[in-house]
C-alpha atoms as a PDB file:
ATOM      1  CA  UNK A   1       0.000   0.000   0.000  1.00  0.00           C
ATOM      2  CA  UNK A   2       1.362   3.428  -1.015  1.00  0.00           C
ATOM      3  CA  UNK A   3       0.785   6.387   1.270  1.00  0.00           C
ATOM      4  CA  UNK A   4       1.358   9.903  -0.030  1.00  0.00           C
ATOM      5  CA  UNK A   5       2.213  12.512   2.598  1.00  0.00           C
ATOM      6  CA  UNK A   6       2.451  15.831   0.831  1.00  0.00           C
ATOM      7  CA  UNK A   7       2.587  19.518   1.720  1.00  0.00           C
ATOM      8  CA  UNK A   8       1.718  22.269  -0.773  1.00  0.00           C
ATOM      9  CA  UNK A   9       2.938  25.857  -0.763  1.00  0.00           C
ATOM     10  CA  UNK A  10       2.619  28.954  -2.865  1.00  0.00           C
ATOM     11  CA  UNK A  11       5.930  30.390  -4.074  1.00  0.00           C
ATOM     12  CA  UNK A  12       7.283  33.919  -3.537  1.00  0.00           C
ATOM     13  CA  UNK A  13       9.578  34.283  -6.547  1.00  0.00           C
ATOM     14  CA  UNK A  14      11.327  32.433  -9.375  1.00  0.00           C
ATOM     15  CA  UNK A  15      14.597  31.628  -7.537  1.00  0.00           C
ATOM     16  CA  UNK A  16      13.756  27.899  -7.562  1.00  0.00           C
ATOM     17  CA  UNK A  17      13.875  27.884 -11.368  1.00  0.00           C
ATOM     18  CA  UNK A  18      17.633  28.386 -11.787  1.00  0.00           C
ATOM     19  CA  UNK A  19      18.591  24.753 -11.026  1.00  0.00           C
ATOM     20  CA  UNK A  20      15.328  23.026 -11.957  1.00  0.00           C
ATOM     21  CA  UNK A  21      14.600  20.525 -14.709  1.00  0.00           C
ATOM     22  CA  UNK A  22      11.165  20.654 -16.354  1.00  0.00           C
ATOM     23  CA  UNK A  23       8.566  18.312 -17.891  1.00  0.00           C
ATOM     24  CA  UNK A  24       5.252  19.223 -19.524  1.00  0.00           C
ATOM     25  CA  UNK A  25       2.171  17.606 -17.930  1.00  0.00           C
ATOM     26  CA  UNK A  26      -1.394  17.121 -19.144  1.00  0.00           C
ATOM     27  CA  UNK A  27      -3.808  15.546 -16.704  1.00  0.00           C
ATOM     28  CA  UNK A  28      -7.484  14.864 -16.473  1.00  0.00           C
ATOM     29  CA  UNK A  29      -9.849  13.198 -14.051  1.00  0.00           C
ATOM     30  CA  UNK A  30     -12.089  10.200 -14.644  1.00  0.00           C
ATOM     31  CA  UNK A  31     -13.489  10.683 -11.143  1.00  0.00           C
ATOM     32  CA  UNK A  32     -12.966  13.617  -8.790  1.00  0.00           C
ATOM     33  CA  UNK A  33     -15.862  13.553  -6.347  1.00  0.00           C
ATOM     34  CA  UNK A  34     -16.103  12.751  -2.657  1.00  0.00           C
ATOM     35  CA  UNK A  35     -12.411  13.508  -2.114  1.00  0.00           C
ATOM     36  CA  UNK A  36     -11.363  10.463  -4.135  1.00  0.00           C
ATOM     37  CA  UNK A  37      -9.739  10.836  -7.538  1.00  0.00           C
ATOM     38  CA  UNK A  38      -8.841   8.743 -10.549  1.00  0.00           C
ATOM     39  CA  UNK A  39      -6.440  10.658 -12.738  1.00  0.00           C
ATOM     40  CA  UNK A  40      -4.957  10.113 -16.202  1.00  0.00           C
ATOM     41  CA  UNK A  41      -1.708  11.908 -16.867  1.00  0.00           C
ATOM     42  CA  UNK A  42       0.804  12.401 -19.634  1.00  0.00           C
ATOM     43  CA  UNK A  43       4.182  13.484 -18.265  1.00  0.00           C
ATOM     44  CA  UNK A  44       6.559  14.167 -21.111  1.00  0.00           C
ATOM     45  CA  UNK A  45       6.231  11.038 -23.252  1.00  0.00           C
ATOM     46  CA  UNK A  46       4.881   8.752 -20.506  1.00  0.00           C
ATOM     47  CA  UNK A  47       1.302   7.897 -19.548  1.00  0.00           C
ATOM     48  CA  UNK A  48      -0.042   7.097 -16.072  1.00  0.00           C
ATOM     49  CA  UNK A  49      -3.263   6.336 -14.267  1.00  0.00           C
ATOM     50  CA  UNK A  50      -3.422   7.249 -10.576  1.00  0.00           C
ATOM     51  CA  UNK A  51      -5.979   6.437  -7.910  1.00  0.00           C
ATOM     52  CA  UNK A  52      -6.035   8.524  -4.719  1.00  0.00           C
ATOM     53  CA  UNK A  53      -8.138   8.119  -1.572  1.00  0.00           C
ATOM     54  CA  UNK A  54      -9.641  10.840   0.604  1.00  0.00           C
ATOM     55  CA  UNK A  55      -7.211  12.911   2.657  1.00  0.00           C
ATOM     56  CA  UNK A  56      -6.578  12.222   6.309  1.00  0.00           C
ATOM     57  CA  UNK A  57      -4.644  15.329   7.313  1.00  0.00           C
ATOM     58  CA  UNK A  58      -1.991  15.613   4.602  1.00  0.00           C
ATOM     59  CA  UNK A  59      -1.885  11.833   4.011  1.00  0.00           C
ATOM     60  CA  UNK A  60      -3.783   9.615   1.603  1.00  0.00           C
ATOM     61  CA  UNK A  61      -3.461   6.361  -0.265  1.00  0.00           C
ATOM     62  CA  UNK A  62      -2.015   6.669  -3.757  1.00  0.00           C
ATOM     63  CA  UNK A  63      -1.638   4.002  -6.442  1.00  0.00           C
ATOM     64  CA  UNK A  64       0.026   4.945  -9.732  1.00  0.00           C
ATOM     65  CA  UNK A  65       0.503   2.742 -12.785  1.00  0.00           C
ATOM     66  CA  UNK A  66       2.201   3.321 -16.119  1.00  0.00           C
ATOM     67  CA  UNK A  67      -0.089   3.066 -19.145  1.00  0.00           C
ATOM     68  CA  UNK A  68       0.736   3.431 -22.838  1.00  0.00           C
ATOM     69  CA  UNK A  69       0.726   7.103 -23.855  1.00  0.00           C
ATOM     70  CA  UNK A  70      -1.307   5.980 -26.898  1.00  0.00           C
ATOM     71  CA  UNK A  71      -4.085   5.054 -24.430  1.00  0.00           C
ATOM     72  CA  UNK A  72      -3.653   8.128 -22.236  1.00  0.00           C
ATOM     73  CA  UNK A  73      -4.196  10.602 -25.117  1.00  0.00           C
ATOM     74  CA  UNK A  74      -7.741   9.484 -26.059  1.00  0.00           C
ATOM     75  CA  UNK A  75      -8.626   9.093 -22.360  1.00  0.00           C
ATOM     76  CA  UNK A  76      -7.686  12.744 -21.814  1.00  0.00           C
ATOM     77  CA  UNK A  77      -9.490  13.907 -24.951  1.00  0.00           C
ATOM     78  CA  UNK A  78     -12.658  11.820 -24.779  1.00  0.00           C
ATOM     79  CA  UNK A  79     -13.166  10.271 -21.329  1.00  0.00           C
ATOM     80  CA  UNK A  80     -11.816  12.689 -18.695  1.00  0.00           C
ATOM     81  CA  UNK A  81     -13.618  15.695 -17.251  1.00  0.00           C
ATOM     82  CA  UNK A  82     -12.703  18.929 -18.997  1.00  0.00           C
ATOM     83  CA  UNK A  83     -10.872  21.222 -19.025  1.00  0.00           C
ATOM     84  CA  UNK A  84      -7.634  19.261 -18.878  1.00  0.00           C
ATOM     85  CA  UNK A  85      -4.968  20.555 -16.500  1.00  0.00           C
ATOM     86  CA  UNK A  86      -1.891  21.781 -18.393  1.00  0.00           C
ATOM     87  CA  UNK A  87       1.228  22.577 -16.394  1.00  0.00           C
ATOM     88  CA  UNK A  88       4.985  22.444 -16.406  1.00  0.00           C
ATOM     89  CA  UNK A  89       6.530  20.551 -13.507  1.00  0.00           C
ATOM     90  CA  UNK A  90       9.974  21.552 -12.348  1.00  0.00           C
ATOM     91  CA  UNK A  91      12.118  19.405 -10.065  1.00  0.00           C
ATOM     92  CA  UNK A  92      14.688  20.991  -7.794  1.00  0.00           C
ATOM     93  CA  UNK A  93      16.579  19.895  -4.702  1.00  0.00           C
ATOM     94  CA  UNK A  94      16.772  21.879  -1.501  1.00  0.00           C
ATOM     95  CA  UNK A  95      18.449  20.299   1.490  1.00  0.00           C
ATOM     96  CA  UNK A  96      17.682  16.583   1.538  1.00  0.00           C
ATOM     97  CA  UNK A  97      14.398  16.935  -0.372  1.00  0.00           C
ATOM     98  CA  UNK A  98      13.232  16.945  -3.935  1.00  0.00           C
ATOM     99  CA  UNK A  99      10.677  19.695  -4.535  1.00  0.00           C
ATOM    100  CA  UNK A 100       8.115  19.589  -7.322  1.00  0.00           C
ATOM    101  CA  UNK A 101       7.053  23.020  -8.530  1.00  0.00           C
ATOM    102  CA  UNK A 102       4.028  23.197 -10.845  1.00  0.00           C
ATOM    103  CA  UNK A 103       3.520  26.223 -13.077  1.00  0.00           C
ATOM    104  CA  UNK A 104      -0.022  26.136 -14.464  1.00  0.00           C
ATOM    105  CA  UNK A 105      -1.342  27.341 -17.823  1.00  0.00           C
ATOM    106  CA  UNK A 106      -4.734  28.061 -19.373  1.00  0.00           C
ATOM    107  CA  UNK A 107      -7.477  28.963 -16.876  1.00  0.00           C
ATOM    108  CA  UNK A 108      -4.987  28.345 -14.051  1.00  0.00           C
ATOM    109  CA  UNK A 109      -2.309  30.685 -15.471  1.00  0.00           C
ATOM    110  CA  UNK A 110      -0.442  32.513 -12.725  1.00  0.00           C
ATOM    111  CA  UNK A 111      -0.685  29.694 -10.188  1.00  0.00           C
ATOM    112  CA  UNK A 112       2.635  28.220  -9.095  1.00  0.00           C
ATOM    113  CA  UNK A 113       2.632  25.550  -6.377  1.00  0.00           C
ATOM    114  CA  UNK A 114       5.555  23.844  -4.648  1.00  0.00           C
ATOM    115  CA  UNK A 115       5.058  20.348  -3.222  1.00  0.00           C
ATOM    116  CA  UNK A 116       7.186  18.216  -0.960  1.00  0.00           C
ATOM    117  CA  UNK A 117       6.598  14.558  -0.112  1.00  0.00           C
ATOM    118  CA  UNK A 118       7.420  13.525   3.430  1.00  0.00           C
ATOM    119  CA  UNK A 119       7.883  10.256   5.313  1.00  0.00           C
ATOM    120  CA  UNK A 120       5.595  11.381   8.158  1.00  0.00           C
ATOM    121  CA  UNK A 121       3.186  14.271   8.737  1.00  0.00           C
ATOM    122  CA  UNK A 122       5.437  15.775  11.411  1.00  0.00           C
ATOM    123  CA  UNK A 123       8.720  15.364   9.510  1.00  0.00           C
ATOM    124  CA  UNK A 124      10.801  18.541   9.606  1.00  0.00           C
ATOM    125  CA  UNK A 125      12.446  20.064   6.550  1.00  0.00           C
ATOM    126  CA  UNK A 126      14.332  23.209   5.609  1.00  0.00           C
ATOM    127  CA  UNK A 127      12.129  25.786   3.923  1.00  0.00           C
ATOM    128  CA  UNK A 128      13.733  27.527   0.952  1.00  0.00           C
ATOM    129  CA  UNK A 129      13.539  31.340   0.754  1.00  0.00           C
ATOM    130  CA  UNK A 130      11.285  31.104  -2.312  1.00  0.00           C
ATOM    131  CA  UNK A 131       8.625  29.207  -0.381  1.00  0.00           C
ATOM    132  CA  UNK A 132       5.433  31.109   0.445  1.00  0.00           C
ATOM    133  CA  UNK A 133       2.211  30.381   2.322  1.00  0.00           C
ATOM    134  CA  UNK A 134       1.293  26.747   3.020  1.00  0.00           C
ATOM    135  CA  UNK A 135      -1.953  25.718   1.267  1.00  0.00           C
ATOM    136  CA  UNK A 136      -1.976  21.976   2.047  1.00  0.00           C
ATOM    137  CA  UNK A 137      -5.404  22.177   3.704  1.00  0.00           C
ATOM    138  CA  UNK A 138      -7.001  24.511   1.151  1.00  0.00           C
ATOM    139  CA  UNK A 139      -8.967  22.323  -1.278  1.00  0.00           C
ATOM    140  CA  UNK A 140      -8.996  25.046  -3.947  1.00  0.00           C
ATOM    141  CA  UNK A 141      -5.369  24.189  -4.700  1.00  0.00           C
ATOM    142  CA  UNK A 142      -5.966  20.502  -5.427  1.00  0.00           C
ATOM    143  CA  UNK A 143      -5.509  19.797  -9.113  1.00  0.00           C
ATOM    144  CA  UNK A 144      -8.898  18.060  -9.261  1.00  0.00           C
ATOM    145  CA  UNK A 145     -10.537  21.236  -7.888  1.00  0.00           C
ATOM    146  CA  UNK A 146      -8.852  23.421 -10.496  1.00  0.00           C
ATOM    147  CA  UNK A 147     -11.002  21.815 -13.207  1.00  0.00           C
ATOM    148  CA  UNK A 148     -14.340  23.023 -11.833  1.00  0.00           C
ATOM    149  CA  UNK A 149     -12.996  26.113 -10.065  1.00  0.00           C
ATOM    150  CA  UNK A 150      -9.984  27.429 -11.998  1.00  0.00           C
ATOM    151  CA  UNK A 151      -7.528  29.758 -10.324  1.00  0.00           C
ATOM    152  CA  UNK A 152      -8.555  32.586 -12.680  1.00  0.00           C
ATOM    153  CA  UNK A 153     -12.009  32.636 -11.013  1.00  0.00           C
ATOM    154  CA  UNK A 154     -10.777  33.179  -7.445  1.00  0.00           C
ATOM    155  CA  UNK A 155      -7.159  34.360  -7.582  1.00  0.00           C
ATOM    156  CA  UNK A 156      -7.954  37.779  -6.087  1.00  0.00           C
ATOM    157  CA  UNK A 157      -8.549  36.238  -2.658  1.00  0.00           C
ATOM    158  CA  UNK A 158      -5.546  33.881  -2.797  1.00  0.00           C
END
């Protein structure tokens, strides 16, 4: 059983970008209700399907499986809820951790989120200077929520 323990943060500036590598992501949701999600994703040239349980704090079950990208494309186009999330994911190291920073496009343009995966909910980590407000418990920032309530509709109160 795979448990994801993840914290999400807004970012203050672009300093994280100088040493980051990037991959383009397209993702859609087959199911995104009741706090459970089934996601289809294309990351670069690879396809994935991911099943996530409801959150308990910042933890939840996560199961991810590779699928042929030739299957993922029509799933995104014809089966998933729309709009599809389009973002660029950057990977950068700070201290002992790998940070994932997502820069969103389309209706979510202007949103940049940093995520860190932890071994436990109370695990300590160094916070980089570019890290802003924590939004782990704010459901508006979940990718599945950004389909029905894009950042462009509520960004003024972020």
